[in-house]
Amino acid sequence: MADSTNLGMVFGVAELLDRCMGEAELAIEILGIFETEGPQHVKFIGEFLAAGKLDEASRRGHALKGMAANVAARALALAAAEVEHGGRAGDAARAAAGHAVVVKAIESAMAALPGVVAELGRAQAA
């Protein structure tokens, strides 16, 4: 399990709670959607890049960027933006480099997620 210092590096928990108007239960629900859909976007981005479908990779990068921003996963959102912009510009190398960072960032996010949910659960109980 990630320690609380690492949680803050992956997710902005206070920012997430603020976006959810202080409702920890809502934040946990949104994180559940992120847990399911985030890795799917990453998988599809990789497939689209491998197939040379930069427009599709760009669209998935855009969707992932928004999803990551909604849960305050800043590094993931920035990396997804690189995929989006690289794909939109027709720059396969830039999109692929962004995807490599996205893969690492989603791994970090998934590893930190149980700790974030636990932290939010404690906030909800308080």
N, C-alpha and C. Protein backbone atom coordinates (compact mmCIF):
# COMPACT_ATOMS: atom_id res chain seq x y z
N MET A 1 0.85 -1.19 0.00
CA MET A 1 0.00 0.00 0.00
C MET A 1 0.88 1.24 0.00
N ALA A 2 0.48 2.25 -0.72
CA ALA A 2 1.23 3.50 -0.79
C ALA A 2 1.06 4.27 0.52
N ASP A 3 2.15 4.96 0.94
CA ASP A 3 2.00 5.76 2.15
C ASP A 3 1.34 7.09 1.81
N SER A 4 0.95 7.86 2.84
CA SER A 4 0.19 9.08 2.60
C SER A 4 0.99 10.13 1.83
N THR A 5 2.32 10.11 1.95
CA THR A 5 3.15 11.03 1.19
C THR A 5 3.01 10.75 -0.30
N ASN A 6 3.07 9.47 -0.68
CA ASN A 6 2.93 9.10 -2.09
C ASN A 6 1.52 9.37 -2.61
N LEU A 7 0.51 9.24 -1.76
CA LEU A 7 -0.86 9.50 -2.19
C LEU A 7 -0.98 10.92 -2.71
N GLY A 8 -0.38 11.86 -1.97
CA GLY A 8 -0.43 13.27 -2.36
C GLY A 8 0.32 13.55 -3.64
N MET A 9 1.27 12.70 -3.98
CA MET A 9 2.01 12.88 -5.22
C MET A 9 1.21 12.38 -6.43
N VAL A 10 0.31 11.43 -6.19
CA VAL A 10 -0.46 10.84 -7.29
C VAL A 10 -1.83 11.51 -7.41
N PHE A 11 -2.51 11.67 -6.30
CA PHE A 11 -3.84 12.27 -6.27
C PHE A 11 -3.82 13.50 -5.37
N GLY A 12 -4.51 14.53 -5.77
CA GLY A 12 -4.73 15.68 -4.90
C GLY A 12 -6.02 15.42 -4.13
N VAL A 13 -5.91 14.77 -2.99
CA VAL A 13 -7.10 14.34 -2.25
C VAL A 13 -7.95 15.53 -1.84
N ALA A 14 -7.31 16.59 -1.34
CA ALA A 14 -8.07 17.78 -0.94
C ALA A 14 -8.76 18.40 -2.16
N GLU A 15 -8.07 18.43 -3.29
CA GLU A 15 -8.64 18.96 -4.52
C GLU A 15 -9.84 18.10 -4.97
N LEU A 16 -9.68 16.79 -4.89
CA LEU A 16 -10.77 15.88 -5.26
C LEU A 16 -11.98 16.11 -4.36
N LEU A 17 -11.75 16.21 -3.07
CA LEU A 17 -12.86 16.47 -2.14
C LEU A 17 -13.52 17.80 -2.44
N ASP A 18 -12.72 18.80 -2.76
CA ASP A 18 -13.27 20.11 -3.10
C ASP A 18 -14.15 20.02 -4.35
N ARG A 19 -13.69 19.27 -5.34
CA ARG A 19 -14.48 19.10 -6.57
C ARG A 19 -15.80 18.38 -6.28
N CYS A 20 -15.79 17.58 -5.23
CA CYS A 20 -17.00 16.82 -4.86
C CYS A 20 -17.77 17.51 -3.74
N MET A 21 -17.51 18.79 -3.56
CA MET A 21 -18.19 19.62 -2.55
C MET A 21 -18.12 19.01 -1.16
N GLY A 22 -16.97 18.40 -0.86
CA GLY A 22 -16.74 17.83 0.46
C GLY A 22 -17.41 16.48 0.68
N GLU A 23 -18.03 15.94 -0.34
CA GLU A 23 -18.75 14.66 -0.22
C GLU A 23 -17.79 13.50 -0.50
N ALA A 24 -17.25 12.91 0.57
CA ALA A 24 -16.30 11.81 0.42
C ALA A 24 -16.94 10.62 -0.30
N GLU A 25 -18.21 10.36 -0.03
CA GLU A 25 -18.89 9.24 -0.68
C GLU A 25 -18.92 9.42 -2.21
N LEU A 26 -19.18 10.64 -2.66
CA LEU A 26 -19.17 10.93 -4.09
C LEU A 26 -17.77 10.75 -4.67
N ALA A 27 -16.77 11.23 -3.94
CA ALA A 27 -15.38 11.09 -4.39
C ALA A 27 -15.02 9.61 -4.54
N ILE A 28 -15.43 8.79 -3.60
CA ILE A 28 -15.16 7.35 -3.66
C ILE A 28 -15.86 6.74 -4.87
N GLU A 29 -17.08 7.16 -5.14
CA GLU A 29 -17.82 6.64 -6.30
C GLU A 29 -17.12 7.02 -7.61
N ILE A 30 -16.65 8.25 -7.70
CA ILE A 30 -15.96 8.71 -8.90
C ILE A 30 -14.64 7.95 -9.07
N LEU A 31 -13.95 7.70 -7.97
CA LEU A 31 -12.71 6.93 -8.04
C LEU A 31 -12.97 5.50 -8.52
N GLY A 32 -14.12 4.95 -8.14
CA GLY A 32 -14.49 3.61 -8.61
C GLY A 32 -14.65 3.57 -10.12
N ILE A 33 -15.26 4.60 -10.68
CA ILE A 33 -15.40 4.70 -12.13
C ILE A 33 -14.02 4.84 -12.77
N PHE A 34 -13.19 5.69 -12.18
CA PHE A 34 -11.83 5.88 -12.67
C PHE A 34 -11.05 4.56 -12.65
N GLU A 35 -11.21 3.80 -11.59
CA GLU A 35 -10.50 2.52 -11.45
C GLU A 35 -10.85 1.56 -12.59
N THR A 36 -12.09 1.58 -13.01
CA THR A 36 -12.54 0.70 -14.08
C THR A 36 -12.19 1.26 -15.46
N GLU A 37 -12.50 2.52 -15.68
CA GLU A 37 -12.38 3.08 -17.03
C GLU A 37 -10.99 3.61 -17.37
N GLY A 38 -10.25 4.09 -16.38
CA GLY A 38 -8.93 4.65 -16.66
C GLY A 38 -8.01 3.66 -17.37
N PRO A 39 -7.82 2.46 -16.81
CA PRO A 39 -6.96 1.49 -17.48
C PRO A 39 -7.46 1.09 -18.88
N GLN A 40 -8.77 1.09 -19.07
CA GLN A 40 -9.31 0.78 -20.40
C GLN A 40 -8.87 1.83 -21.42
N HIS A 41 -8.91 3.09 -21.03
CA HIS A 41 -8.46 4.15 -21.94
C HIS A 41 -6.98 3.96 -22.29
N VAL A 42 -6.18 3.63 -21.29
CA VAL A 42 -4.75 3.43 -21.52
C VAL A 42 -4.53 2.29 -22.51
N LYS A 43 -5.25 1.20 -22.32
CA LYS A 43 -5.14 0.04 -23.21
C LYS A 43 -5.51 0.44 -24.64
N PHE A 44 -6.63 1.13 -24.80
CA PHE A 44 -7.07 1.53 -26.13
C PHE A 44 -6.09 2.50 -26.78
N ILE A 45 -5.53 3.41 -26.00
CA ILE A 45 -4.53 4.34 -26.55
C ILE A 45 -3.38 3.54 -27.15
N GLY A 46 -2.89 2.57 -26.40
CA GLY A 46 -1.78 1.74 -26.90
C GLY A 46 -2.15 1.01 -28.18
N GLU A 47 -3.36 0.47 -28.23
CA GLU A 47 -3.80 -0.24 -29.43
C GLU A 47 -3.92 0.71 -30.62
N PHE A 48 -4.49 1.89 -30.39
CA PHE A 48 -4.64 2.85 -31.48
C PHE A 48 -3.27 3.32 -31.99
N LEU A 49 -2.35 3.55 -31.07
CA LEU A 49 -1.02 3.97 -31.51
C LEU A 49 -0.34 2.87 -32.31
N ALA A 50 -0.46 1.64 -31.86
CA ALA A 50 0.15 0.51 -32.58
C ALA A 50 -0.43 0.37 -33.99
N ALA A 51 -1.70 0.73 -34.14
CA ALA A 51 -2.37 0.62 -35.44
C ALA A 51 -2.20 1.89 -36.28
N GLY A 52 -1.49 2.88 -35.74
CA GLY A 52 -1.30 4.12 -36.48
C GLY A 52 -2.53 5.01 -36.52
N LYS A 53 -3.47 4.78 -35.63
CA LYS A 53 -4.71 5.57 -35.59
C LYS A 53 -4.54 6.72 -34.60
N LEU A 54 -3.81 7.73 -35.04
CA LEU A 54 -3.47 8.85 -34.16
C LEU A 54 -4.70 9.66 -33.74
N ASP A 55 -5.67 9.81 -34.63
CA ASP A 55 -6.88 10.56 -34.27
C ASP A 55 -7.62 9.87 -33.12
N GLU A 56 -7.73 8.54 -33.21
CA GLU A 56 -8.41 7.78 -32.15
C GLU A 56 -7.61 7.85 -30.85
N ALA A 57 -6.30 7.72 -30.95
CA ALA A 57 -5.45 7.82 -29.76
C ALA A 57 -5.61 9.20 -29.12
N SER A 58 -5.69 10.23 -29.96
CA SER A 58 -5.86 11.59 -29.46
C SER A 58 -7.17 11.74 -28.71
N ARG A 59 -8.23 11.18 -29.26
CA ARG A 59 -9.54 11.26 -28.60
C ARG A 59 -9.53 10.53 -27.26
N ARG A 60 -8.92 9.36 -27.23
CA ARG A 60 -8.82 8.63 -25.96
C ARG A 60 -7.93 9.37 -24.98
N GLY A 61 -6.86 9.98 -25.48
CA GLY A 61 -6.00 10.78 -24.61
C GLY A 61 -6.77 11.93 -24.00
N HIS A 62 -7.61 12.57 -24.81
CA HIS A 62 -8.44 13.67 -24.31
C HIS A 62 -9.40 13.18 -23.22
N ALA A 63 -10.03 12.05 -23.47
CA ALA A 63 -10.97 11.50 -22.48
C ALA A 63 -10.25 11.14 -21.18
N LEU A 64 -9.09 10.53 -21.30
CA LEU A 64 -8.32 10.17 -20.11
C LEU A 64 -7.84 11.40 -19.37
N LYS A 65 -7.44 12.41 -20.11
CA LYS A 65 -7.00 13.67 -19.49
C LYS A 65 -8.12 14.24 -18.62
N GLY A 66 -9.33 14.29 -19.16
CA GLY A 66 -10.45 14.81 -18.39
C GLY A 66 -10.77 13.96 -17.18
N MET A 67 -10.75 12.65 -17.37
CA MET A 67 -11.03 11.74 -16.27
C MET A 67 -9.99 11.91 -15.16
N ALA A 68 -8.72 11.97 -15.55
CA ALA A 68 -7.65 12.14 -14.56
C ALA A 68 -7.76 13.48 -13.85
N ALA A 69 -8.10 14.52 -14.58
CA ALA A 69 -8.27 15.83 -13.96
C ALA A 69 -9.42 15.82 -12.97
N ASN A 70 -10.48 15.11 -13.30
CA ASN A 70 -11.64 15.03 -12.39
C ASN A 70 -11.29 14.39 -11.07
N VAL A 71 -10.36 13.44 -11.07
CA VAL A 71 -9.98 12.79 -9.81
C VAL A 71 -8.68 13.37 -9.25
N ALA A 72 -8.23 14.48 -9.83
CA ALA A 72 -7.04 15.21 -9.37
C ALA A 72 -5.78 14.35 -9.44
N ALA A 73 -5.67 13.54 -10.50
CA ALA A 73 -4.45 12.78 -10.78
C ALA A 73 -3.65 13.60 -11.80
N ARG A 74 -2.93 14.58 -11.28
CA ARG A 74 -2.31 15.60 -12.12
C ARG A 74 -1.29 15.06 -13.12
N ALA A 75 -0.39 14.19 -12.67
CA ALA A 75 0.65 13.67 -13.57
C ALA A 75 0.03 12.87 -14.70
N LEU A 76 -0.99 12.10 -14.39
CA LEU A 76 -1.68 11.32 -15.42
C LEU A 76 -2.37 12.25 -16.42
N ALA A 77 -3.00 13.30 -15.93
CA ALA A 77 -3.67 14.25 -16.82
C ALA A 77 -2.67 14.92 -17.76
N LEU A 78 -1.51 15.30 -17.25
CA LEU A 78 -0.49 15.93 -18.09
C LEU A 78 0.04 14.97 -19.15
N ALA A 79 0.27 13.72 -18.76
CA ALA A 79 0.76 12.73 -19.71
C ALA A 79 -0.29 12.45 -20.78
N ALA A 80 -1.54 12.34 -20.37
CA ALA A 80 -2.62 12.10 -21.33
C ALA A 80 -2.74 13.27 -22.31
N ALA A 81 -2.48 14.48 -21.84
CA ALA A 81 -2.50 15.64 -22.72
C ALA A 81 -1.43 15.52 -23.80
N GLU A 82 -0.28 14.94 -23.47
CA GLU A 82 0.77 14.73 -24.47
C GLU A 82 0.30 13.77 -25.56
N VAL A 83 -0.40 12.71 -25.15
CA VAL A 83 -0.96 11.79 -26.13
C VAL A 83 -1.96 12.53 -27.02
N GLU A 84 -2.84 13.28 -26.38
CA GLU A 84 -3.85 14.02 -27.12
C GLU A 84 -3.22 14.96 -28.14
N HIS A 85 -2.28 15.77 -27.69
CA HIS A 85 -1.69 16.78 -28.57
C HIS A 85 -0.81 16.16 -29.64
N GLY A 86 -0.07 15.11 -29.26
CA GLY A 86 0.75 14.42 -30.25
C GLY A 86 -0.10 13.79 -31.33
N GLY A 87 -1.17 13.14 -30.92
CA GLY A 87 -2.07 12.52 -31.89
C GLY A 87 -2.73 13.54 -32.79
N ARG A 88 -3.17 14.63 -32.19
CA ARG A 88 -3.84 15.68 -32.97
C ARG A 88 -2.89 16.30 -34.00
N ALA A 89 -1.62 16.41 -33.63
CA ALA A 89 -0.62 17.01 -34.52
C ALA A 89 -0.06 16.01 -35.53
N GLY A 90 -0.48 14.76 -35.41
CA GLY A 90 0.06 13.73 -36.31
C GLY A 90 1.48 13.33 -35.95
N ASP A 91 1.88 13.60 -34.72
CA ASP A 91 3.24 13.31 -34.25
C ASP A 91 3.21 12.00 -33.45
N ALA A 92 3.44 10.90 -34.14
CA ALA A 92 3.36 9.58 -33.51
C ALA A 92 4.39 9.42 -32.40
N ALA A 93 5.57 9.98 -32.58
CA ALA A 93 6.62 9.85 -31.56
C ALA A 93 6.20 10.55 -30.27
N ARG A 94 5.65 11.74 -30.39
CA ARG A 94 5.19 12.49 -29.21
C ARG A 94 4.05 11.75 -28.52
N ALA A 95 3.10 11.24 -29.30
CA ALA A 95 1.98 10.50 -28.72
C ALA A 95 2.48 9.24 -28.03
N ALA A 96 3.42 8.53 -28.64
CA ALA A 96 3.96 7.31 -28.05
C ALA A 96 4.74 7.61 -26.77
N ALA A 97 5.49 8.70 -26.78
CA ALA A 97 6.23 9.09 -25.57
C ALA A 97 5.26 9.44 -24.45
N GLY A 98 4.18 10.14 -24.80
CA GLY A 98 3.16 10.44 -23.81
C GLY A 98 2.52 9.18 -23.28
N HIS A 99 2.28 8.22 -24.16
CA HIS A 99 1.67 6.96 -23.73
C HIS A 99 2.58 6.21 -22.76
N ALA A 100 3.88 6.23 -22.99
CA ALA A 100 4.81 5.57 -22.07
C ALA A 100 4.70 6.17 -20.67
N VAL A 101 4.55 7.47 -20.59
CA VAL A 101 4.39 8.14 -19.29
C VAL A 101 3.01 7.83 -18.72
N VAL A 102 2.00 7.78 -19.57
CA VAL A 102 0.64 7.44 -19.14
C VAL A 102 0.63 6.06 -18.48
N VAL A 103 1.32 5.10 -19.08
CA VAL A 103 1.34 3.75 -18.53
C VAL A 103 1.91 3.76 -17.11
N LYS A 104 3.00 4.46 -16.90
CA LYS A 104 3.60 4.54 -15.56
C LYS A 104 2.69 5.29 -14.60
N ALA A 105 2.07 6.36 -15.08
CA ALA A 105 1.20 7.16 -14.22
C ALA A 105 -0.05 6.38 -13.81
N ILE A 106 -0.63 5.59 -14.72
CA ILE A 106 -1.82 4.82 -14.35
C ILE A 106 -1.44 3.72 -13.37
N GLU A 107 -0.26 3.14 -13.52
CA GLU A 107 0.20 2.14 -12.55
C GLU A 107 0.34 2.75 -11.17
N SER A 108 0.91 3.94 -11.10
CA SER A 108 1.04 4.64 -9.81
C SER A 108 -0.33 4.96 -9.23
N ALA A 109 -1.24 5.41 -10.08
CA ALA A 109 -2.59 5.76 -9.62
C ALA A 109 -3.31 4.53 -9.09
N MET A 110 -3.21 3.42 -9.80
CA MET A 110 -3.90 2.20 -9.35
C MET A 110 -3.31 1.71 -8.04
N ALA A 111 -2.00 1.84 -7.88
CA ALA A 111 -1.36 1.43 -6.62
C ALA A 111 -1.77 2.32 -5.46
N ALA A 112 -1.97 3.60 -5.72
CA ALA A 112 -2.32 4.55 -4.66
C ALA A 112 -3.81 4.55 -4.34
N LEU A 113 -4.62 4.05 -5.24
CA LEU A 113 -6.07 4.14 -5.11
C LEU A 113 -6.62 3.57 -3.80
N PRO A 114 -6.21 2.39 -3.36
CA PRO A 114 -6.77 1.89 -2.09
C PRO A 114 -6.49 2.81 -0.90
N GLY A 115 -5.33 3.42 -0.89
CA GLY A 115 -5.00 4.35 0.19
C GLY A 115 -5.84 5.61 0.12
N VAL A 116 -6.10 6.08 -1.07
CA VAL A 116 -6.94 7.28 -1.24
C VAL A 116 -8.36 6.97 -0.79
N VAL A 117 -8.88 5.82 -1.19
CA VAL A 117 -10.23 5.44 -0.78
C VAL A 117 -10.30 5.30 0.74
N ALA A 118 -9.27 4.72 1.34
CA ALA A 118 -9.25 4.59 2.80
C ALA A 118 -9.22 5.96 3.47
N GLU A 119 -8.42 6.87 2.93
CA GLU A 119 -8.35 8.23 3.48
C GLU A 119 -9.70 8.93 3.37
N LEU A 120 -10.33 8.77 2.22
CA LEU A 120 -11.65 9.37 2.04
C LEU A 120 -12.68 8.73 2.97
N GLY A 121 -12.57 7.44 3.17
CA GLY A 121 -13.46 6.75 4.10
C GLY A 121 -13.32 7.29 5.52
N ARG A 122 -12.09 7.57 5.91
CA ARG A 122 -11.86 8.16 7.25
C ARG A 122 -12.46 9.57 7.31
N ALA A 123 -12.32 10.32 6.22
CA ALA A 123 -12.89 11.67 6.18
C ALA A 123 -14.40 11.61 6.26
N GLN A 124 -14.97 10.61 5.62
CA GLN A 124 -16.43 10.44 5.63
C GLN A 124 -16.92 10.09 7.03
N ALA A 125 -16.14 9.28 7.75
CA ALA A 125 -16.53 8.84 9.08
C ALA A 125 -16.39 9.95 10.12
N ALA A 126 -15.52 10.91 9.83
CA ALA A 126 -15.23 11.98 10.81
C ALA A 126 -16.37 12.97 10.92
